[in-house]
PDB file of N, CA and C in Angstrom:
ATOM      1  N   MET A   1       0.842  -1.179   0.000  1.00  0.00           N
ATOM      2  CA  MET A   1       0.000   0.000   0.000  1.00  0.00           C
ATOM      3  C   MET A   1       0.886   1.241   0.000  1.00  0.00           C
ATOM      4  N   SER A   2       0.548   2.219  -0.803  1.00  0.00           N
ATOM      5  CA  SER A   2       1.312   3.463  -0.803  1.00  0.00           C
ATOM      6  C   SER A   2       0.375   4.631  -0.546  1.00  0.00           C
ATOM      7  N   LEU A   3       0.935   5.634   0.085  1.00  0.00           N
ATOM      8  CA  LEU A   3       0.162   6.837   0.368  1.00  0.00           C
ATOM      9  C   LEU A   3       0.475   7.878  -0.680  1.00  0.00           C
ATOM     10  N   ASP A   4      -0.514   8.672  -1.037  1.00  0.00           N
ATOM     11  CA  ASP A   4      -0.223   9.740  -1.980  1.00  0.00           C
ATOM     12  C   ASP A   4       0.404  10.917  -1.242  1.00  0.00           C
ATOM     13  N   ASP A   5       0.894  11.880  -1.968  1.00  0.00           N
ATOM     14  CA  ASP A   5       1.584  13.017  -1.370  1.00  0.00           C
ATOM     15  C   ASP A   5       0.636  14.005  -0.701  1.00  0.00           C
ATOM     16  N   ASN A   6      -0.636  13.927  -0.983  1.00  0.00           N
ATOM     17  CA  ASN A   6      -1.619  14.825  -0.381  1.00  0.00           C
ATOM     18  C   ASN A   6      -2.171  14.199   0.897  1.00  0.00           C
ATOM     19  N   ARG A   7      -1.332  14.073   1.872  1.00  0.00           N
ATOM     20  CA  ARG A   7      -1.714  13.408   3.120  1.00  0.00           C
ATOM     21  C   ARG A   7      -2.659  14.275   3.927  1.00  0.00           C
ATOM     22  N   THR A   8      -3.523  13.617   4.631  1.00  0.00           N
ATOM     23  CA  THR A   8      -4.497  14.305   5.460  1.00  0.00           C
ATOM     24  C   THR A   8      -4.021  14.306   6.912  1.00  0.00           C
ATOM     25  N   SER A   9      -4.553  15.241   7.677  1.00  0.00           N
ATOM     26  CA  SER A   9      -4.255  15.258   9.109  1.00  0.00           C
ATOM     27  C   SER A   9      -5.181  14.232   9.781  1.00  0.00           C
ATOM     28  N   TYR A  10      -4.665  13.653  10.852  1.00  0.00           N
ATOM     29  CA  TYR A  10      -5.491  12.669  11.540  1.00  0.00           C
ATOM     30  C   TYR A  10      -5.238  12.688  13.042  1.00  0.00           C
ATOM     31  N   VAL A  11      -6.236  12.213  13.774  1.00  0.00           N
ATOM     32  CA  VAL A  11      -6.199  12.116  15.227  1.00  0.00           C
ATOM     33  C   VAL A  11      -6.486  10.667  15.592  1.00  0.00           C
ATOM     34  N   ILE A  12      -5.793  10.183  16.607  1.00  0.00           N
ATOM     35  CA  ILE A  12      -6.010   8.822  17.090  1.00  0.00           C
ATOM     36  C   ILE A  12      -6.705   8.894  18.446  1.00  0.00           C
ATOM     37  N   ILE A  13      -7.693   8.030  18.631  1.00  0.00           N
ATOM     38  CA  ILE A  13      -8.427   7.939  19.889  1.00  0.00           C
ATOM     39  C   ILE A  13      -8.023   6.651  20.605  1.00  0.00           C
ATOM     40  N   VAL A  14      -7.649   6.784  21.873  1.00  0.00           N
ATOM     41  CA  VAL A  14      -7.369   5.621  22.723  1.00  0.00           C
ATOM     42  C   VAL A  14      -8.382   5.679  23.857  1.00  0.00           C
ATOM     43  N   ASN A  15      -9.350   4.774  23.839  1.00  0.00           N
ATOM     44  CA  ASN A  15     -10.381   4.772  24.877  1.00  0.00           C
ATOM     45  C   ASN A  15     -10.434   3.457  25.646  1.00  0.00           C
ATOM     46  N   ASN A  16      -9.406   2.630  25.461  1.00  0.00           N
ATOM     47  CA  ASN A  16      -9.258   1.385  26.212  1.00  0.00           C
ATOM     48  C   ASN A  16      -7.884   1.376  26.870  1.00  0.00           C
ATOM     49  N   GLU A  17      -7.712   0.506  27.833  1.00  0.00           N
ATOM     50  CA  GLU A  17      -6.408   0.358  28.468  1.00  0.00           C
ATOM     51  C   GLU A  17      -5.532  -0.519  27.575  1.00  0.00           C
ATOM     52  N   GLY A  18      -5.257  -0.019  26.400  1.00  0.00           N
ATOM     53  CA  GLY A  18      -4.506  -0.739  25.382  1.00  0.00           C
ATOM     54  C   GLY A  18      -5.222  -0.580  24.052  1.00  0.00           C
ATOM     55  N   MET A  19      -5.101  -1.598  23.222  1.00  0.00           N
ATOM     56  CA  MET A  19      -5.701  -1.541  21.886  1.00  0.00           C
ATOM     57  C   MET A  19      -6.661  -2.708  21.704  1.00  0.00           C
ATOM     58  N   GLY A  20      -7.887  -2.405  21.320  1.00  0.00           N
ATOM     59  CA  GLY A  20      -8.884  -3.446  21.079  1.00  0.00           C
ATOM     60  C   GLY A  20      -9.571  -3.894  22.354  1.00  0.00           C
ATOM     61  N   HIS A  21     -10.295  -4.986  22.235  1.00  0.00           N
ATOM     62  CA  HIS A  21     -11.024  -5.573  23.361  1.00  0.00           C
ATOM     63  C   HIS A  21     -10.573  -7.012  23.503  1.00  0.00           C
ATOM     64  N   ALA A  22      -9.609  -7.219  24.386  1.00  0.00           N
ATOM     65  CA  ALA A  22      -9.040  -8.547  24.599  1.00  0.00           C
ATOM     66  C   ALA A  22      -8.437  -8.574  25.995  1.00  0.00           C
ATOM     67  N   ASP A  23      -7.718  -9.622  26.299  1.00  0.00           N
ATOM     68  CA  ASP A  23      -6.980  -9.720  27.538  1.00  0.00           C
ATOM     69  C   ASP A  23      -6.053  -8.499  27.648  1.00  0.00           C
ATOM     70  N   ARG A  24      -5.914  -7.946  28.850  1.00  0.00           N
ATOM     71  CA  ARG A  24      -5.137  -6.721  29.032  1.00  0.00           C
ATOM     72  C   ARG A  24      -3.707  -6.860  28.506  1.00  0.00           C
ATOM     73  N   GLU A  25      -3.084  -7.987  28.717  1.00  0.00           N
ATOM     74  CA  GLU A  25      -1.717  -8.193  28.225  1.00  0.00           C
ATOM     75  C   GLU A  25      -1.662  -8.077  26.704  1.00  0.00           C
ATOM     76  N   LEU A  26      -2.636  -8.651  26.020  1.00  0.00           N
ATOM     77  CA  LEU A  26      -2.687  -8.552  24.566  1.00  0.00           C
ATOM     78  C   LEU A  26      -2.969  -7.113  24.136  1.00  0.00           C
ATOM     79  N   GLN A  27      -3.873  -6.428  24.823  1.00  0.00           N
ATOM     80  CA  GLN A  27      -4.163  -5.029  24.509  1.00  0.00           C
ATOM     81  C   GLN A  27      -2.894  -4.180  24.600  1.00  0.00           C
ATOM     82  N   HIS A  28      -2.112  -4.403  25.648  1.00  0.00           N
ATOM     83  CA  HIS A  28      -0.861  -3.660  25.824  1.00  0.00           C
ATOM     84  C   HIS A  28       0.131  -3.988  24.718  1.00  0.00           C
ATOM     85  N   LYS A  29       0.240  -5.254  24.388  1.00  0.00           N
ATOM     86  CA  LYS A  29       1.176  -5.681  23.340  1.00  0.00           C
ATOM     87  C   LYS A  29       0.799  -5.056  21.989  1.00  0.00           C
ATOM     88  N   LEU A  30      -0.478  -5.078  21.674  1.00  0.00           N
ATOM     89  CA  LEU A  30      -0.934  -4.504  20.402  1.00  0.00           C
ATOM     90  C   LEU A  30      -0.665  -3.002  20.342  1.00  0.00           C
ATOM     91  N   LEU A  31      -0.959  -2.285  21.422  1.00  0.00           N
ATOM     92  CA  LEU A  31      -0.723  -0.842  21.432  1.00  0.00           C
ATOM     93  C   LEU A  31       0.768  -0.540  21.347  1.00  0.00           C
ATOM     94  N   ASN A  32       1.576  -1.325  22.031  1.00  0.00           N
ATOM     95  CA  ASN A  32       3.025  -1.160  21.967  1.00  0.00           C
ATOM     96  C   ASN A  32       3.522  -1.297  20.534  1.00  0.00           C
ATOM     97  N   THR A  33       3.088  -2.342  19.852  1.00  0.00           N
ATOM     98  CA  THR A  33       3.489  -2.564  18.461  1.00  0.00           C
ATOM     99  C   THR A  33       3.003  -1.428  17.568  1.00  0.00           C
ATOM    100  N   TYR A  34       1.754  -1.023  17.741  1.00  0.00           N
ATOM    101  CA  TYR A  34       1.171   0.056  16.942  1.00  0.00           C
ATOM    102  C   TYR A  34       1.974   1.349  17.102  1.00  0.00           C
ATOM    103  N   LEU A  35       2.295   1.709  18.351  1.00  0.00           N
ATOM    104  CA  LEU A  35       3.015   2.954  18.597  1.00  0.00           C
ATOM    105  C   LEU A  35       4.434   2.894  18.046  1.00  0.00           C
ATOM    106  N   HIS A  36       5.083   1.726  18.143  1.00  0.00           N
ATOM    107  CA  HIS A  36       6.415   1.571  17.528  1.00  0.00           C
ATOM    108  C   HIS A  36       6.337   1.833  16.027  1.00  0.00           C
ATOM    109  N   MET A  37       5.371   1.236  15.390  1.00  0.00           N
ATOM    110  CA  MET A  37       5.218   1.407  13.946  1.00  0.00           C
ATOM    111  C   MET A  37       4.849   2.852  13.602  1.00  0.00           C
ATOM    112  N   LEU A  38       4.030   3.461  14.420  1.00  0.00           N
ATOM    113  CA  LEU A  38       3.647   4.855  14.208  1.00  0.00           C
ATOM    114  C   LEU A  38       4.872   5.764  14.281  1.00  0.00           C
ATOM    115  N   LEU A  39       5.740   5.523  15.244  1.00  0.00           N
ATOM    116  CA  LEU A  39       6.956   6.326  15.383  1.00  0.00           C
ATOM    117  C   LEU A  39       7.897   6.153  14.198  1.00  0.00           C
ATOM    118  N   ASP A  40       7.869   4.992  13.570  1.00  0.00           N
ATOM    119  CA  ASP A  40       8.703   4.741  12.399  1.00  0.00           C
ATOM    120  C   ASP A  40       8.134   5.381  11.136  1.00  0.00           C
ATOM    121  N   ASN A  41       6.882   5.815  11.205  1.00  0.00           N
ATOM    122  CA  ASN A  41       6.195   6.414  10.069  1.00  0.00           C
ATOM    123  C   ASN A  41       6.494   7.908  10.036  1.00  0.00           C
ATOM    124  N   GLU A  42       6.732   8.448   8.879  1.00  0.00           N
ATOM    125  CA  GLU A  42       7.015   9.880   8.787  1.00  0.00           C
ATOM    126  C   GLU A  42       5.760  10.744   8.890  1.00  0.00           C
ATOM    127  N   HIS A  43       4.590  10.154   8.744  1.00  0.00           N
ATOM    128  CA  HIS A  43       3.335  10.912   8.808  1.00  0.00           C
ATOM    129  C   HIS A  43       2.659  10.638  10.153  1.00  0.00           C
ATOM    130  N   LEU A  44       2.973  11.487  11.128  1.00  0.00           N
ATOM    131  CA  LEU A  44       2.450  11.312  12.478  1.00  0.00           C
ATOM    132  C   LEU A  44       1.088  11.987  12.625  1.00  0.00           C
ATOM    133  N   PRO A  45       0.305  11.530  13.598  1.00  0.00           N
ATOM    134  CA  PRO A  45      -0.980  12.188  13.840  1.00  0.00           C
ATOM    135  C   PRO A  45      -0.773  13.577  14.430  1.00  0.00           C
ATOM    136  N   THR A  46      -1.775  14.399  14.305  1.00  0.00           N
ATOM    137  CA  THR A  46      -1.752  15.714  14.943  1.00  0.00           C
ATOM    138  C   THR A  46      -1.872  15.552  16.448  1.00  0.00           C
ATOM    139  N   ALA A  47      -2.741  14.628  16.860  1.00  0.00           N
ATOM    140  CA  ALA A  47      -2.988  14.418  18.288  1.00  0.00           C
ATOM    141  C   ALA A  47      -3.388  12.973  18.547  1.00  0.00           C
ATOM    142  N   VAL A  48      -3.166  12.562  19.791  1.00  0.00           N
ATOM    143  CA  VAL A  48      -3.713  11.316  20.293  1.00  0.00           C
ATOM    144  C   VAL A  48      -4.542  11.709  21.508  1.00  0.00           C
ATOM    145  N   CYS A  49      -5.821  11.336  21.497  1.00  0.00           N
ATOM    146  CA  CYS A  49      -6.744  11.682  22.574  1.00  0.00           C
ATOM    147  C   CYS A  49      -7.015  10.462  23.431  1.00  0.00           C
ATOM    148  N   PHE A  50      -6.927  10.641  24.739  1.00  0.00           N
ATOM    149  CA  PHE A  50      -7.126   9.553  25.687  1.00  0.00           C
ATOM    150  C   PHE A  50      -8.335   9.862  26.554  1.00  0.00           C
ATOM    151  N   TYR A  51      -9.298   8.938  26.574  1.00  0.00           N
ATOM    152  CA  TYR A  51     -10.416   9.086  27.494  1.00  0.00           C
ATOM    153  C   TYR A  51     -10.903   7.714  27.930  1.00  0.00           C
ATOM    154  N   ALA A  52     -11.844   7.685  28.871  1.00  0.00           N
ATOM    155  CA  ALA A  52     -12.306   6.447  29.517  1.00  0.00           C
ATOM    156  C   ALA A  52     -11.072   5.698  30.044  1.00  0.00           C
ATOM    157  N   ASP A  53     -11.019   4.379  29.893  1.00  0.00           N
ATOM    158  CA  ASP A  53      -9.874   3.610  30.389  1.00  0.00           C
ATOM    159  C   ASP A  53      -8.575   3.945  29.658  1.00  0.00           C
ATOM    160  N   GLY A  54      -8.677   4.615  28.524  1.00  0.00           N
ATOM    161  CA  GLY A  54      -7.487   5.000  27.768  1.00  0.00           C
ATOM    162  C   GLY A  54      -6.555   5.925  28.528  1.00  0.00           C
ATOM    163  N   VAL A  55      -7.086   6.689  29.494  1.00  0.00           N
ATOM    164  CA  VAL A  55      -6.231   7.603  30.256  1.00  0.00           C
ATOM    165  C   VAL A  55      -5.158   6.840  31.033  1.00  0.00           C
ATOM    166  N   LYS A  56      -5.373   5.577  31.282  1.00  0.00           N
ATOM    167  CA  LYS A  56      -4.401   4.778  32.045  1.00  0.00           C
ATOM    168  C   LYS A  56      -3.101   4.564  31.272  1.00  0.00           C
ATOM    169  N   MET A  57      -3.114   4.851  29.984  1.00  0.00           N
ATOM    170  CA  MET A  57      -1.912   4.662  29.171  1.00  0.00           C
ATOM    171  C   MET A  57      -0.899   5.794  29.339  1.00  0.00           C
ATOM    172  N   VAL A  58      -1.286   6.906  29.961  1.00  0.00           N
ATOM    173  CA  VAL A  58      -0.363   8.031  30.148  1.00  0.00           C
ATOM    174  C   VAL A  58       0.173   8.109  31.577  1.00  0.00           C
ATOM    175  N   LEU A  59      -0.081   7.087  32.364  1.00  0.00           N
ATOM    176  CA  LEU A  59       0.306   7.096  33.775  1.00  0.00           C
ATOM    177  C   LEU A  59       1.721   6.575  33.987  1.00  0.00           C
ATOM    178  N   GLU A  60       2.224   6.779  35.188  1.00  0.00           N
ATOM    179  CA  GLU A  60       3.592   6.425  35.536  1.00  0.00           C
ATOM    180  C   GLU A  60       3.926   4.955  35.324  1.00  0.00           C
ATOM    181  N   ASP A  61       2.975   4.075  35.416  1.00  0.00           N
ATOM    182  CA  ASP A  61       3.256   2.639  35.257  1.00  0.00           C
ATOM    183  C   ASP A  61       2.800   2.079  33.896  1.00  0.00           C
ATOM    184  N   SER A  62       2.545   2.959  32.944  1.00  0.00           N
ATOM    185  CA  SER A  62       2.077   2.533  31.627  1.00  0.00           C
ATOM    186  C   SER A  62       3.164   1.782  30.863  1.00  0.00           C
ATOM    187  N   PRO A  63       2.790   0.671  30.218  1.00  0.00           N
ATOM    188  CA  PRO A  63       3.768  -0.079  29.425  1.00  0.00           C
ATOM    189  C   PRO A  63       4.167   0.628  28.125  1.00  0.00           C
ATOM    190  N   VAL A  64       3.480   1.713  27.783  1.00  0.00           N
ATOM    191  CA  VAL A  64       3.800   2.452  26.545  1.00  0.00           C
ATOM    192  C   VAL A  64       4.211   3.896  26.828  1.00  0.00           C
ATOM    193  N   LEU A  65       4.536   4.193  28.065  1.00  0.00           N
ATOM    194  CA  LEU A  65       4.855   5.559  28.460  1.00  0.00           C
ATOM    195  C   LEU A  65       6.002   6.149  27.641  1.00  0.00           C
ATOM    196  N   GLU A  66       7.084   5.407  27.466  1.00  0.00           N
ATOM    197  CA  GLU A  66       8.239   5.930  26.729  1.00  0.00           C
ATOM    198  C   GLU A  66       7.888   6.205  25.263  1.00  0.00           C
ATOM    199  N   LEU A  67       7.093   5.345  24.670  1.00  0.00           N
ATOM    200  CA  LEU A  67       6.674   5.558  23.281  1.00  0.00           C
ATOM    201  C   LEU A  67       5.826   6.820  23.163  1.00  0.00           C
ATOM    202  N   LEU A  68       4.955   7.038  24.126  1.00  0.00           N
ATOM    203  CA  LEU A  68       4.130   8.247  24.120  1.00  0.00           C
ATOM    204  C   LEU A  68       4.989   9.493  24.319  1.00  0.00           C
ATOM    205  N   ARG A  69       6.001   9.404  25.156  1.00  0.00           N
ATOM    206  CA  ARG A  69       6.931  10.536  25.326  1.00  0.00           C
ATOM    207  C   ARG A  69       7.611  10.864  24.001  1.00  0.00           C
ATOM    208  N   GLN A  70       8.013   9.833  23.281  1.00  0.00           N
ATOM    209  CA  GLN A  70       8.669  10.049  21.989  1.00  0.00           C
ATOM    210  C   GLN A  70       7.729  10.736  21.002  1.00  0.00           C
ATOM    211  N   LEU A  71       6.470  10.314  20.988  1.00  0.00           N
ATOM    212  CA  LEU A  71       5.485  10.969  20.118  1.00  0.00           C
ATOM    213  C   LEU A  71       5.338  12.446  20.491  1.00  0.00           C
ATOM    214  N   SER A  72       5.251  12.708  21.782  1.00  0.00           N
ATOM    215  CA  SER A  72       5.115  14.080  22.256  1.00  0.00           C
ATOM    216  C   SER A  72       6.327  14.916  21.844  1.00  0.00           C
ATOM    217  N   GLU A  73       7.515  14.351  21.968  1.00  0.00           N
ATOM    218  CA  GLU A  73       8.741  15.051  21.577  1.00  0.00           C
ATOM    219  C   GLU A  73       8.776  15.351  20.082  1.00  0.00           C
ATOM    220  N   LYS A  74       8.061  14.565  19.295  1.00  0.00           N
ATOM    221  CA  LYS A  74       7.992  14.793  17.851  1.00  0.00           C
ATOM    222  C   LYS A  74       6.872  15.751  17.472  1.00  0.00           C
ATOM    223  N   GLY A  75       6.201  16.337  18.466  1.00  0.00           N
ATOM    224  CA  GLY A  75       5.193  17.347  18.199  1.00  0.00           C
ATOM    225  C   GLY A  75       3.758  16.869  18.181  1.00  0.00           C
ATOM    226  N   VAL A  76       3.513  15.612  18.545  1.00  0.00           N
ATOM    227  CA  VAL A  76       2.145  15.090  18.596  1.00  0.00           C
ATOM    228  C   VAL A  76       1.522  15.509  19.926  1.00  0.00           C
ATOM    229  N   TYR A  77       0.362  16.147  19.858  1.00  0.00           N
ATOM    230  CA  TYR A  77      -0.346  16.524  21.075  1.00  0.00           C
ATOM    231  C   TYR A  77      -0.987  15.284  21.685  1.00  0.00           C
ATOM    232  N   LEU A  78      -0.748  15.076  22.975  1.00  0.00           N
ATOM    233  CA  LEU A  78      -1.380  13.987  23.711  1.00  0.00           C
ATOM    234  C   LEU A  78      -2.378  14.632  24.659  1.00  0.00           C
ATOM    235  N   ILE A  79      -3.652  14.490  24.347  1.00  0.00           N
ATOM    236  CA  ILE A  79      -4.713  15.157  25.106  1.00  0.00           C
ATOM    237  C   ILE A  79      -5.398  14.126  25.995  1.00  0.00           C
ATOM    238  N   VAL A  80      -5.380  14.389  27.301  1.00  0.00           N
ATOM    239  CA  VAL A  80      -5.885  13.443  28.293  1.00  0.00           C
ATOM    240  C   VAL A  80      -7.120  14.041  28.966  1.00  0.00           C
ATOM    241  N   CYS A  81      -8.193  13.278  29.006  1.00  0.00           N
ATOM    242  CA  CYS A  81      -9.477  13.734  29.548  1.00  0.00           C
ATOM    243  C   CYS A  81      -9.401  13.969  31.060  1.00  0.00           C
ATOM    244  N   SER A  82      -9.603  15.215  31.466  1.00  0.00           N
ATOM    245  CA  SER A  82      -9.551  15.565  32.885  1.00  0.00           C
ATOM    246  C   SER A  82     -10.693  14.926  33.675  1.00  0.00           C
ATOM    247  N   THR A  83     -11.870  14.831  33.076  1.00  0.00           N
ATOM    248  CA  THR A  83     -13.017  14.214  33.756  1.00  0.00           C
ATOM    249  C   THR A  83     -12.723  12.752  34.079  1.00  0.00           C
ATOM    250  N   CYS A  84     -12.117  12.051  33.134  1.00  0.00           N
ATOM    251  CA  CYS A  84     -11.794  10.631  33.329  1.00  0.00           C
ATOM    252  C   CYS A  84     -10.726  10.459  34.401  1.00  0.00           C
ATOM    253  N   LEU A  85      -9.717  11.315  34.370  1.00  0.00           N
ATOM    254  CA  LEU A  85      -8.668  11.253  35.397  1.00  0.00           C
ATOM    255  C   LEU A  85      -9.255  11.474  36.781  1.00  0.00           C
ATOM    256  N   SER A  86     -10.148  12.453  36.896  1.00  0.00           N
ATOM    257  CA  SER A  86     -10.791  12.722  38.190  1.00  0.00           C
ATOM    258  C   SER A  86     -11.661  11.550  38.619  1.00  0.00           C
ATOM    259  N   TYR A  87     -12.389  10.974  37.681  1.00  0.00           N
ATOM    260  CA  TYR A  87     -13.256   9.840  37.987  1.00  0.00           C
ATOM    261  C   TYR A  87     -12.462   8.672  38.572  1.00  0.00           C
ATOM    262  N   PHE A  88     -11.319   8.374  37.964  1.00  0.00           N
ATOM    263  CA  PHE A  88     -10.477   7.269  38.425  1.00  0.00           C
ATOM    264  C   PHE A  88      -9.486   7.703  39.521  1.00  0.00           C
ATOM    265  N   ASP A  89      -9.487   8.980  39.891  1.00  0.00           N
ATOM    266  CA  ASP A  89      -8.560   9.544  40.867  1.00  0.00           C
ATOM    267  C   ASP A  89      -7.105   9.271  40.465  1.00  0.00           C
ATOM    268  N   LEU A  90      -6.780   9.641  39.225  1.00  0.00           N
ATOM    269  CA  LEU A  90      -5.462   9.352  38.665  1.00  0.00           C
ATOM    270  C   LEU A  90      -4.669  10.592  38.253  1.00  0.00           C
ATOM    271  N   ARG A  91      -5.190  11.753  38.495  1.00  0.00           N
ATOM    272  CA  ARG A  91      -4.562  12.987  38.011  1.00  0.00           C
ATOM    273  C   ARG A  91      -3.085  13.095  38.424  1.00  0.00           C
ATOM    274  N   GLU A  92      -2.753  12.685  39.627  1.00  0.00           N
ATOM    275  CA  GLU A  92      -1.381  12.805  40.134  1.00  0.00           C
ATOM    276  C   GLU A  92      -0.413  11.815  39.492  1.00  0.00           C
ATOM    277  N   LYS A  93      -0.920  10.818  38.803  1.00  0.00           N
ATOM    278  CA  LYS A  93      -0.058   9.794  38.211  1.00  0.00           C
ATOM    279  C   LYS A  93       0.250  10.030  36.736  1.00  0.00           C
ATOM    280  N   VAL A  94      -0.285  11.101  36.160  1.00  0.00           N
ATOM    281  CA  VAL A  94      -0.051  11.412  34.750  1.00  0.00           C
ATOM    282  C   VAL A  94       1.413  11.806  34.557  1.00  0.00           C
ATOM    283  N   ARG A  95       2.055  11.201  33.550  1.00  0.00           N
ATOM    284  CA  ARG A  95       3.469  11.481  33.295  1.00  0.00           C
ATOM    285  C   ARG A  95       3.742  12.043  31.901  1.00  0.00           C
ATOM    286  N   VAL A  96       2.730  12.078  31.059  1.00  0.00           N
ATOM    287  CA  VAL A  96       2.913  12.624  29.716  1.00  0.00           C
ATOM    288  C   VAL A  96       1.572  13.142  29.222  1.00  0.00           C
ATOM    289  N   GLY A  97       1.615  14.175  28.401  1.00  0.00           N
ATOM    290  CA  GLY A  97       0.387  14.684  27.799  1.00  0.00           C
ATOM    291  C   GLY A  97      -0.114  15.955  28.443  1.00  0.00           C
ATOM    292  N   ILE A  98      -1.165  16.474  27.841  1.00  0.00           N
ATOM    293  CA  ILE A  98      -1.829  17.699  28.277  1.00  0.00           C
ATOM    294  C   ILE A  98      -3.177  17.300  28.857  1.00  0.00           C
ATOM    295  N   ILE A  99      -3.404  17.662  30.101  1.00  0.00           N
ATOM    296  CA  ILE A  99      -4.711  17.376  30.696  1.00  0.00           C
ATOM    297  C   ILE A  99      -5.685  18.425  30.186  1.00  0.00           C
ATOM    298  N   GLY A 100      -6.710  17.949  29.505  1.00  0.00           N
ATOM    299  CA  GLY A 100      -7.689  18.849  28.907  1.00  0.00           C
ATOM    300  C   GLY A 100      -9.095  18.325  29.101  1.00  0.00           C
ATOM    301  N   GLY A 101     -10.016  19.103  28.640  1.00  0.00           N
ATOM    302  CA  GLY A 101     -11.415  18.720  28.745  1.00  0.00           C
ATOM    303  C   GLY A 101     -11.938  18.118  27.460  1.00  0.00           C
ATOM    304  N   MET A 102     -13.186  17.739  27.491  1.00  0.00           N
ATOM    305  CA  MET A 102     -13.821  17.183  26.306  1.00  0.00           C
ATOM    306  C   MET A 102     -13.820  18.211  25.180  1.00  0.00           C
ATOM    307  N   HIS A 103     -13.848  19.477  25.521  1.00  0.00           N
ATOM    308  CA  HIS A 103     -13.779  20.530  24.507  1.00  0.00           C
ATOM    309  C   HIS A 103     -12.488  20.396  23.690  1.00  0.00           C
ATOM    310  N   ASP A 104     -11.373  20.140  24.362  1.00  0.00           N
ATOM    311  CA  ASP A 104     -10.086  19.987  23.665  1.00  0.00           C
ATOM    312  C   ASP A 104     -10.078  18.760  22.763  1.00  0.00           C
ATOM    313  N   ILE A 105     -10.662  17.672  23.246  1.00  0.00           N
ATOM    314  CA  ILE A 105     -10.737  16.441  22.451  1.00  0.00           C
ATOM    315  C   ILE A 105     -11.631  16.672  21.230  1.00  0.00           C
ATOM    316  N   LEU A 106     -12.765  17.295  21.454  1.00  0.00           N
ATOM    317  CA  LEU A 106     -13.682  17.584  20.352  1.00  0.00           C
ATOM    318  C   LEU A 106     -13.031  18.496  19.320  1.00  0.00           C
ATOM    319  N   GLU A 107     -12.327  19.514  19.777  1.00  0.00           N
ATOM    320  CA  GLU A 107     -11.671  20.433  18.847  1.00  0.00           C
ATOM    321  C   GLU A 107     -10.621  19.707  18.005  1.00  0.00           C
ATOM    322  N   ALA A 108      -9.830  18.835  18.632  1.00  0.00           N
ATOM    323  CA  ALA A 108      -8.821  18.068  17.886  1.00  0.00           C
ATOM    324  C   ALA A 108      -9.491  17.207  16.822  1.00  0.00           C
ATOM    325  N   GLN A 109     -10.598  16.567  17.175  1.00  0.00           N
ATOM    326  CA  GLN A 109     -11.313  15.711  16.228  1.00  0.00           C
ATOM    327  C   GLN A 109     -11.900  16.533  15.082  1.00  0.00           C
ATOM    328  N   MET A 110     -12.474  17.680  15.391  1.00  0.00           N
ATOM    329  CA  MET A 110     -13.122  18.487  14.367  1.00  0.00           C
ATOM    330  C   MET A 110     -12.119  19.103  13.401  1.00  0.00           C
ATOM    331  N   ARG A 111     -10.906  19.371  13.867  1.00  0.00           N
ATOM    332  CA  ARG A 111      -9.877  19.949  12.999  1.00  0.00           C
ATOM    333  C   ARG A 111      -9.213  18.896  12.111  1.00  0.00           C
ATOM    334  N   ALA A 112      -9.313  17.643  12.504  1.00  0.00           N
ATOM    335  CA  ALA A 112      -8.663  16.563  11.756  1.00  0.00           C
ATOM    336  C   ALA A 112      -9.479  16.189  10.521  1.00  0.00           C
ATOM    337  N   ASP A 113      -8.766  15.742   9.493  1.00  0.00           N
ATOM    338  CA  ASP A 113      -9.431  15.220   8.310  1.00  0.00           C
ATOM    339  C   ASP A 113      -9.965  13.808   8.574  1.00  0.00           C
ATOM    340  N   LYS A 114      -9.313  13.114   9.500  1.00  0.00           N
ATOM    341  CA  LYS A 114      -9.683  11.721   9.778  1.00  0.00           C
ATOM    342  C   LYS A 114      -9.454  11.435  11.255  1.00  0.00           C
ATOM    343  N   VAL A 115     -10.345  10.641  11.865  1.00  0.00           N
ATOM    344  CA  VAL A 115     -10.224  10.219  13.250  1.00  0.00           C
ATOM    345  C   VAL A 115     -10.182   8.692  13.270  1.00  0.00           C
ATOM    346  N   ILE A 116      -9.164   8.156  13.956  1.00  0.00           N
ATOM    347  CA  ILE A 116      -8.966   6.708  14.034  1.00  0.00           C
ATOM    348  C   ILE A 116      -9.135   6.299  15.503  1.00  0.00           C
ATOM    349  N   THR A 117     -10.041   5.378  15.768  1.00  0.00           N
ATOM    350  CA  THR A 117     -10.225   4.854  17.109  1.00  0.00           C
ATOM    351  C   THR A 117      -9.584   3.485  17.211  1.00  0.00           C
ATOM    352  N   LEU A 118      -8.705   3.325  18.202  1.00  0.00           N
ATOM    353  CA  LEU A 118      -8.012   2.037  18.371  1.00  0.00           C
ATOM    354  C   LEU A 118      -8.813   1.106  19.244  1.00  0.00           C
TER     355      LEU A 118
END
């Protein structure tokens, strides 16, 4: 598969504690592989939005924390739902990303040409 030169902007949604709906270990493994491949790609997303159980991926004990830091260093906005963090009482454990509201997540989605939910 090849991409044309007129690439679109895109946002990725992470709303699970990993990728897909499976055993947590498999979810973590899949997200780890996905993020590695994403980092190797020259066309990065504008933002990655985390909400619901997805906010757990930006915490101090996340198995993909270093990969997310690398994405952030490359200019990808990591937007983390403040309501979800408060609900799970996890705000103090966030180690990467911008804590924002649903307004920020909605704005990122509306500005993107494409939204991908993992």
